[in-house]
């Protein structure tokens, strides 16, 4: 549980997957994935960064 919390906290603070891997002492690049639980706020921020189709292509009205 502590490893999972630590890995998630590093990721939430902006740490990359390779940084989480190194800090958890794991050798395989995919090993830290089970420890990463995305924070809801971070997920919402990722969604907000994606522009809407309307913003990209106008409103669709001519």
Protein backbone atom coordinates (compact mmCIF):
# COMPACT_ATOMS: atom_id res chain seq x y z
CA UNK A 1 0.00 0.00 0.00
CA UNK A 2 2.83 2.40 0.81
CA UNK A 3 4.54 1.68 -2.53
CA UNK A 4 1.31 2.33 -4.39
CA UNK A 5 0.74 5.61 -2.54
CA UNK A 6 4.34 6.69 -3.12
CA UNK A 7 4.25 5.84 -6.84
CA UNK A 8 0.96 7.65 -7.29
CA UNK A 9 2.19 10.69 -5.37
CA UNK A 10 5.32 10.94 -7.52
CA UNK A 11 3.21 10.69 -10.70
CA UNK A 12 0.70 13.24 -9.40
CA UNK A 13 3.58 15.61 -8.66
CA UNK A 14 4.60 15.42 -12.33
CA UNK A 15 7.09 12.56 -12.13
CA UNK A 16 7.54 10.51 -15.27
CA UNK A 17 7.19 6.74 -15.46
CA UNK A 18 10.96 6.25 -15.55
CA UNK A 19 11.35 8.41 -12.43
CA UNK A 20 8.73 6.36 -10.59
CA UNK A 21 10.48 3.19 -11.78
CA UNK A 22 13.85 4.37 -10.45
CA UNK A 23 12.44 5.59 -7.13
CA UNK A 24 10.63 2.28 -6.56
CA UNK A 25 13.85 0.39 -7.40
CA UNK A 26 12.36 -1.57 -10.28
CA UNK A 27 14.30 -2.76 -13.32
CA UNK A 28 11.61 -3.31 -15.95
CA UNK A 29 10.04 -0.13 -17.42
CA UNK A 30 6.48 -1.47 -17.05
CA UNK A 31 6.90 -2.63 -13.43
CA UNK A 32 5.62 0.58 -11.76
CA UNK A 33 2.32 0.64 -13.70
CA UNK A 34 0.34 -1.33 -11.08
CA UNK A 35 1.41 1.19 -8.46
CA UNK A 36 0.08 4.19 -10.36
CA UNK A 37 -3.43 5.24 -9.48
CA UNK A 38 -4.35 8.44 -11.31
CA UNK A 39 -5.66 11.25 -9.16
CA UNK A 40 -9.13 12.42 -10.25
CA UNK A 41 -7.92 16.01 -10.42
CA UNK A 42 -5.03 15.02 -12.69
CA UNK A 43 -7.43 13.10 -14.95
CA UNK A 44 -9.77 16.10 -15.16
CA UNK A 45 -6.82 18.37 -16.02
CA UNK A 46 -5.82 15.97 -18.82
CA UNK A 47 -9.35 16.12 -20.23
CA UNK A 48 -9.37 19.91 -20.02
CA UNK A 49 -6.14 20.10 -22.07
CA UNK A 50 -7.81 18.41 -25.05
CA UNK A 51 -9.46 21.04 -27.25
CA UNK A 52 -13.07 20.46 -28.19
CA UNK A 53 -13.87 19.60 -31.83
CA UNK A 54 -15.80 22.87 -32.02
CA UNK A 55 -12.72 24.83 -31.03
CA UNK A 56 -10.63 22.98 -33.60
CA UNK A 57 -13.05 23.07 -36.51
CA UNK A 58 -15.41 25.92 -35.71
CA UNK A 59 -19.02 25.44 -34.64
CA UNK A 60 -20.03 23.43 -37.69
CA UNK A 61 -22.35 26.22 -38.84
CA UNK A 62 -21.86 27.96 -42.17
